[in-house]
Amino acid sequence: MDKKSDLRIKAKTIRKELDIDKISSIIVEKIRNTDLYQNALHIALFYPMKYEINLLKLFSEEKKFYLPKVDGENLIICPFGKDDSLVKSSFNVLEPCTAPVNPELLDLIFVPALMVDGKNFRLGYGGGFYDRFLAKYPQIPSVVPIAKELTVDNLPHEDFDRPVKFVISN
């Protein structure tokens, strides 16, 4: 089986060839049609980097949205609305400037991934931030939105890796 570092390179290469805007639109529509999303009020998204699935079209009046922010070894969850500012983190990711809230208020969290396997284990970017978050808050339904071209049968995973509850692809 390939090493995680090799798989990250492979996934990034595949992603560059995909029509991410089109795939993102398909995934957003699928998400909107799920009971999980329809019944959720407090939802954490990730701000997309280049070639990542873009869920920002989900912003709507009747839901409250949050974005993650790295704080040391952990992710904190901060409210985010259309008029809120973002700043670039040391990881070159846009993060909110708002004060963090208790993550236990979340009804749903969307988790980024480079790849995902049939057991819902994800290949992330290697920092372990989401794995630590999912381990601490296993009651929050977690979803990886990902292009079907980045789904595989099995990924290598360590004891600290946490699977997500759901995967939604195009």
C-alpha atoms as a PDB file:
ATOM      1  CA  MET A   1       0.000   0.000   0.000  1.00  0.00           C
ATOM      2  CA  ASP A   2       1.246   3.492  -0.783  1.00  0.00           C
ATOM      3  CA  LYS A   3       2.558   5.708   1.958  1.00  0.00           C
ATOM      4  CA  LYS A   4       0.436   8.690   3.001  1.00  0.00           C
ATOM      5  CA  SER A   5       3.001  11.140   1.616  1.00  0.00           C
ATOM      6  CA  ASP A   6       2.911   9.448  -1.813  1.00  0.00           C
ATOM      7  CA  LEU A   7      -0.897   9.378  -1.745  1.00  0.00           C
ATOM      8  CA  ARG A   8      -1.021  13.094  -0.943  1.00  0.00           C
ATOM      9  CA  ILE A   9       1.044  13.846  -4.047  1.00  0.00           C
ATOM     10  CA  LYS A  10      -1.135  11.530  -6.136  1.00  0.00           C
ATOM     11  CA  ALA A  11      -4.366  13.102  -4.843  1.00  0.00           C
ATOM     12  CA  LYS A  12      -3.161  16.646  -5.507  1.00  0.00           C
ATOM     13  CA  THR A  13      -2.205  15.652  -9.057  1.00  0.00           C
ATOM     14  CA  ILE A  14      -5.638  14.089  -9.691  1.00  0.00           C
ATOM     15  CA  ARG A  15      -7.445  17.114  -8.215  1.00  0.00           C
ATOM     16  CA  LYS A  16      -5.742  19.508 -10.620  1.00  0.00           C
ATOM     17  CA  GLU A  17      -7.295  17.648 -13.548  1.00  0.00           C
ATOM     18  CA  LEU A  18     -10.861  17.816 -12.205  1.00  0.00           C
ATOM     19  CA  ASP A  19     -13.555  20.399 -12.837  1.00  0.00           C
ATOM     20  CA  ILE A  20     -13.824  21.291  -9.138  1.00  0.00           C
ATOM     21  CA  ASP A  21     -16.431  24.014  -9.709  1.00  0.00           C
ATOM     22  CA  LYS A  22     -18.780  21.571 -11.415  1.00  0.00           C
ATOM     23  CA  ILE A  23     -18.114  18.806  -8.884  1.00  0.00           C
ATOM     24  CA  SER A  24     -18.623  21.277  -6.003  1.00  0.00           C
ATOM     25  CA  SER A  25     -22.004  22.323  -7.415  1.00  0.00           C
ATOM     26  CA  ILE A  26     -23.140  18.697  -7.676  1.00  0.00           C
ATOM     27  CA  ILE A  27     -22.001  17.955  -4.117  1.00  0.00           C
ATOM     28  CA  VAL A  28     -23.648  21.102  -2.726  1.00  0.00           C
ATOM     29  CA  GLU A  29     -26.977  20.050  -4.275  1.00  0.00           C
ATOM     30  CA  LYS A  30     -26.618  16.532  -2.842  1.00  0.00           C
ATOM     31  CA  ILE A  31     -25.864  18.005   0.586  1.00  0.00           C
ATOM     32  CA  ARG A  32     -28.896  20.293   0.429  1.00  0.00           C
ATOM     33  CA  ASN A  33     -31.092  17.259  -0.214  1.00  0.00           C
ATOM     34  CA  THR A  34     -29.912  15.285   2.828  1.00  0.00           C
ATOM     35  CA  ASP A  35     -31.925  15.141   6.045  1.00  0.00           C
ATOM     36  CA  LEU A  36     -28.645  15.593   7.900  1.00  0.00           C
ATOM     37  CA  TYR A  37     -28.153  19.050   6.375  1.00  0.00           C
ATOM     38  CA  GLN A  38     -31.822  20.048   6.354  1.00  0.00           C
ATOM     39  CA  ASN A  39     -32.149  19.281  10.072  1.00  0.00           C
ATOM     40  CA  ALA A  40     -28.898  21.012  11.064  1.00  0.00           C
ATOM     41  CA  LEU A  41     -28.836  24.606  12.253  1.00  0.00           C
ATOM     42  CA  HIS A  42     -25.193  25.047  13.350  1.00  0.00           C
ATOM     43  CA  ILE A  43     -22.823  23.902  10.594  1.00  0.00           C
ATOM     44  CA  ALA A  44     -19.029  24.036  10.371  1.00  0.00           C
ATOM     45  CA  LEU A  45     -17.560  24.289   6.889  1.00  0.00           C
ATOM     46  CA  PHE A  46     -13.958  24.654   5.767  1.00  0.00           C
ATOM     47  CA  TYR A  47     -12.868  27.566   3.613  1.00  0.00           C
ATOM     48  CA  PRO A  48     -11.699  25.932   0.380  1.00  0.00           C
ATOM     49  CA  MET A  49      -8.135  26.111  -0.823  1.00  0.00           C
ATOM     50  CA  LYS A  50      -7.384  25.915  -4.525  1.00  0.00           C
ATOM     51  CA  TYR A  51      -8.678  22.615  -5.995  1.00  0.00           C
ATOM     52  CA  GLU A  52     -10.739  21.777  -2.874  1.00  0.00           C
ATOM     53  CA  ILE A  53     -14.480  21.186  -2.893  1.00  0.00           C
ATOM     54  CA  ASN A  54     -16.168  24.550  -2.369  1.00  0.00           C
ATOM     55  CA  LEU A  55     -19.188  24.459  -0.053  1.00  0.00           C
ATOM     56  CA  LEU A  56     -19.596  28.224   0.331  1.00  0.00           C
ATOM     57  CA  LYS A  57     -22.774  28.104  -1.786  1.00  0.00           C
ATOM     58  CA  LEU A  58     -24.417  26.518   1.254  1.00  0.00           C
ATOM     59  CA  PHE A  59     -24.537  29.837   3.092  1.00  0.00           C
ATOM     60  CA  SER A  60     -28.165  30.594   3.721  1.00  0.00           C
ATOM     61  CA  GLU A  61     -30.293  32.739   5.986  1.00  0.00           C
ATOM     62  CA  GLU A  62     -31.778  29.958   8.085  1.00  0.00           C
ATOM     63  CA  LYS A  63     -28.494  28.304   9.136  1.00  0.00           C
ATOM     64  CA  LYS A  64     -25.575  29.461  11.272  1.00  0.00           C
ATOM     65  CA  PHE A  65     -22.150  28.766   9.816  1.00  0.00           C
ATOM     66  CA  TYR A  66     -18.748  28.357  11.405  1.00  0.00           C
ATOM     67  CA  LEU A  67     -15.204  27.970  10.145  1.00  0.00           C
ATOM     68  CA  PRO A  68     -12.296  26.233  11.831  1.00  0.00           C
ATOM     69  CA  LYS A  69      -9.199  27.999  13.030  1.00  0.00           C
ATOM     70  CA  VAL A  70      -5.939  26.399  14.142  1.00  0.00           C
ATOM     71  CA  ASP A  71      -5.032  27.150  17.748  1.00  0.00           C
ATOM     72  CA  GLY A  72      -1.797  25.393  18.668  1.00  0.00           C
ATOM     73  CA  GLU A  73      -2.474  21.677  18.139  1.00  0.00           C
ATOM     74  CA  ASN A  74      -6.247  22.066  18.037  1.00  0.00           C
ATOM     75  CA  LEU A  75      -9.052  23.338  15.859  1.00  0.00           C
ATOM     76  CA  ILE A  76     -11.341  25.919  17.326  1.00  0.00           C
ATOM     77  CA  ILE A  77     -14.695  26.778  15.767  1.00  0.00           C
ATOM     78  CA  CYS A  78     -15.591  30.392  15.011  1.00  0.00           C
ATOM     79  CA  PRO A  79     -18.830  31.909  13.693  1.00  0.00           C
ATOM     80  CA  PHE A  80     -18.662  33.126  10.112  1.00  0.00           C
ATOM     81  CA  GLY A  81     -21.107  35.267   8.202  1.00  0.00           C
ATOM     82  CA  LYS A  82     -21.037  37.041   4.865  1.00  0.00           C
ATOM     83  CA  ASP A  83     -19.667  40.245   6.399  1.00  0.00           C
ATOM     84  CA  ASP A  84     -16.994  38.663   8.613  1.00  0.00           C
ATOM     85  CA  SER A  85     -13.296  39.015   7.796  1.00  0.00           C
ATOM     86  CA  LEU A  86     -10.793  36.278   7.083  1.00  0.00           C
ATOM     87  CA  VAL A  87      -7.020  36.230   7.573  1.00  0.00           C
ATOM     88  CA  LYS A  88      -4.402  33.896   6.117  1.00  0.00           C
ATOM     89  CA  SER A  89      -2.976  31.479   8.666  1.00  0.00           C
ATOM     90  CA  SER A  90       0.579  30.164   8.851  1.00  0.00           C
ATOM     91  CA  PHE A  91      -0.761  27.173   6.872  1.00  0.00           C
ATOM     92  CA  ASN A  92      -1.843  29.570   4.087  1.00  0.00           C
ATOM     93  CA  VAL A  93      -5.512  28.867   4.841  1.00  0.00           C
ATOM     94  CA  LEU A  94      -8.121  31.591   5.288  1.00  0.00           C
ATOM     95  CA  GLU A  95      -9.426  31.618   8.851  1.00  0.00           C
ATOM     96  CA  PRO A  96     -12.142  33.666  10.606  1.00  0.00           C
ATOM     97  CA  CYS A  97     -11.379  36.630  12.863  1.00  0.00           C
ATOM     98  CA  THR A  98     -14.383  36.026  15.138  1.00  0.00           C
ATOM     99  CA  ALA A  99     -14.154  34.651  18.687  1.00  0.00           C
ATOM    100  CA  PRO A 100     -14.450  30.876  19.115  1.00  0.00           C
ATOM    101  CA  VAL A 101     -17.577  29.128  20.365  1.00  0.00           C
ATOM    102  CA  ASN A 102     -18.161  25.815  22.111  1.00  0.00           C
ATOM    103  CA  PRO A 103     -17.977  23.169  19.340  1.00  0.00           C
ATOM    104  CA  GLU A 104     -20.654  21.125  21.103  1.00  0.00           C
ATOM    105  CA  LEU A 105     -23.274  23.445  19.621  1.00  0.00           C
ATOM    106  CA  LEU A 106     -22.495  22.074  16.132  1.00  0.00           C
ATOM    107  CA  ASP A 107     -25.085  19.881  14.446  1.00  0.00           C
ATOM    108  CA  LEU A 108     -22.780  19.026  11.547  1.00  0.00           C
ATOM    109  CA  ILE A 109     -19.162  19.442  10.464  1.00  0.00           C
ATOM    110  CA  PHE A 110     -17.743  19.184   6.962  1.00  0.00           C
ATOM    111  CA  VAL A 111     -14.182  17.902   6.891  1.00  0.00           C
ATOM    112  CA  PRO A 112     -11.704  18.423   4.032  1.00  0.00           C
ATOM    113  CA  ALA A 113      -9.799  15.490   2.579  1.00  0.00           C
ATOM    114  CA  LEU A 114      -7.395  14.669  -0.210  1.00  0.00           C
ATOM    115  CA  MET A 115      -8.763  11.107  -0.458  1.00  0.00           C
ATOM    116  CA  VAL A 116     -11.250   8.939   1.393  1.00  0.00           C
ATOM    117  CA  ASP A 117     -11.684   5.168   1.543  1.00  0.00           C
ATOM    118  CA  GLY A 118     -14.551   2.706   1.801  1.00  0.00           C
ATOM    119  CA  LYS A 119     -14.393   2.743   5.607  1.00  0.00           C
ATOM    120  CA  ASN A 120     -14.661   6.565   5.681  1.00  0.00           C
ATOM    121  CA  PHE A 121     -11.042   7.080   6.686  1.00  0.00           C
ATOM    122  CA  ARG A 122      -9.674  10.217   5.113  1.00  0.00           C
ATOM    123  CA  LEU A 123      -6.299  11.289   3.928  1.00  0.00           C
ATOM    124  CA  GLY A 124      -5.796  14.798   5.220  1.00  0.00           C
ATOM    125  CA  TYR A 125      -2.895  17.194   4.911  1.00  0.00           C
ATOM    126  CA  GLY A 126      -0.917  15.604   7.728  1.00  0.00           C
ATOM    127  CA  GLY A 127      -1.471  17.920  10.701  1.00  0.00           C
ATOM    128  CA  GLY A 128      -3.960  15.699  12.548  1.00  0.00           C
ATOM    129  CA  PHE A 129      -6.143  18.705  13.478  1.00  0.00           C
ATOM    130  CA  TYR A 130      -9.417  17.179  12.300  1.00  0.00           C
ATOM    131  CA  ASP A 131      -8.569  13.738  13.743  1.00  0.00           C
ATOM    132  CA  ARG A 132      -8.047  15.313  17.174  1.00  0.00           C
ATOM    133  CA  PHE A 133     -11.255  17.298  16.791  1.00  0.00           C
ATOM    134  CA  LEU A 134     -13.288  14.221  15.742  1.00  0.00           C
ATOM    135  CA  ALA A 135     -11.833  12.217  18.634  1.00  0.00           C
ATOM    136  CA  LYS A 136     -12.838  14.938  21.108  1.00  0.00           C
ATOM    137  CA  TYR A 137     -16.337  15.478  19.641  1.00  0.00           C
ATOM    138  CA  PRO A 138     -17.476  12.111  18.226  1.00  0.00           C
ATOM    139  CA  GLN A 139     -21.149  13.041  18.700  1.00  0.00           C
ATOM    140  CA  ILE A 140     -20.991  15.691  15.941  1.00  0.00           C
ATOM    141  CA  PRO A 141     -21.940  14.167  12.569  1.00  0.00           C
ATOM    142  CA  SER A 142     -18.959  14.549  10.235  1.00  0.00           C
ATOM    143  CA  VAL A 143     -19.031  14.566   6.433  1.00  0.00           C
ATOM    144  CA  VAL A 144     -16.290  14.554   3.824  1.00  0.00           C
ATOM    145  CA  PRO A 145     -17.381  16.141   0.549  1.00  0.00           C
ATOM    146  CA  ILE A 146     -15.073  14.744  -2.133  1.00  0.00           C
ATOM    147  CA  ALA A 147     -14.807  14.031  -5.841  1.00  0.00           C
ATOM    148  CA  LYS A 148     -15.533  10.366  -6.638  1.00  0.00           C
ATOM    149  CA  GLU A 149     -12.167  10.231  -8.420  1.00  0.00           C
ATOM    150  CA  LEU A 150     -10.514  10.617  -5.009  1.00  0.00           C
ATOM    151  CA  THR A 151     -12.276   7.691  -3.352  1.00  0.00           C
ATOM    152  CA  VAL A 152     -10.329   4.455  -2.940  1.00  0.00           C
ATOM    153  CA  ASP A 153     -10.965   1.071  -1.347  1.00  0.00           C
ATOM    154  CA  ASN A 154      -8.386   1.371   1.434  1.00  0.00           C
ATOM    155  CA  LEU A 155      -6.090   4.044   2.819  1.00  0.00           C
ATOM    156  CA  PRO A 156      -3.304   3.511   5.320  1.00  0.00           C
ATOM    157  CA  HIS A 157      -4.361   4.744   8.736  1.00  0.00           C
ATOM    158  CA  GLU A 158      -2.856   4.997  12.188  1.00  0.00           C
ATOM    159  CA  ASP A 159      -4.453   4.460  15.603  1.00  0.00           C
ATOM    160  CA  PHE A 160      -5.051   8.220  15.941  1.00  0.00           C
ATOM    161  CA  ASP A 161      -6.866   8.534  12.581  1.00  0.00           C
ATOM    162  CA  ARG A 162     -10.638   8.935  12.911  1.00  0.00           C
ATOM    163  CA  PRO A 163     -13.143   8.010  10.209  1.00  0.00           C
ATOM    164  CA  VAL A 164     -15.893  10.439   9.360  1.00  0.00           C
ATOM    165  CA  LYS A 165     -19.523   9.344   9.613  1.00  0.00           C
ATOM    166  CA  PHE A 166     -20.487  10.159   5.993  1.00  0.00           C
ATOM    167  CA  VAL A 167     -18.967  10.768   2.577  1.00  0.00           C
ATOM    168  CA  ILE A 168     -20.745  12.706  -0.176  1.00  0.00           C
ATOM    169  CA  SER A 169     -19.324  12.660  -3.691  1.00  0.00           C
ATOM    170  CA  ASN A 170     -20.434  13.629  -7.174  1.00  0.00           C
END
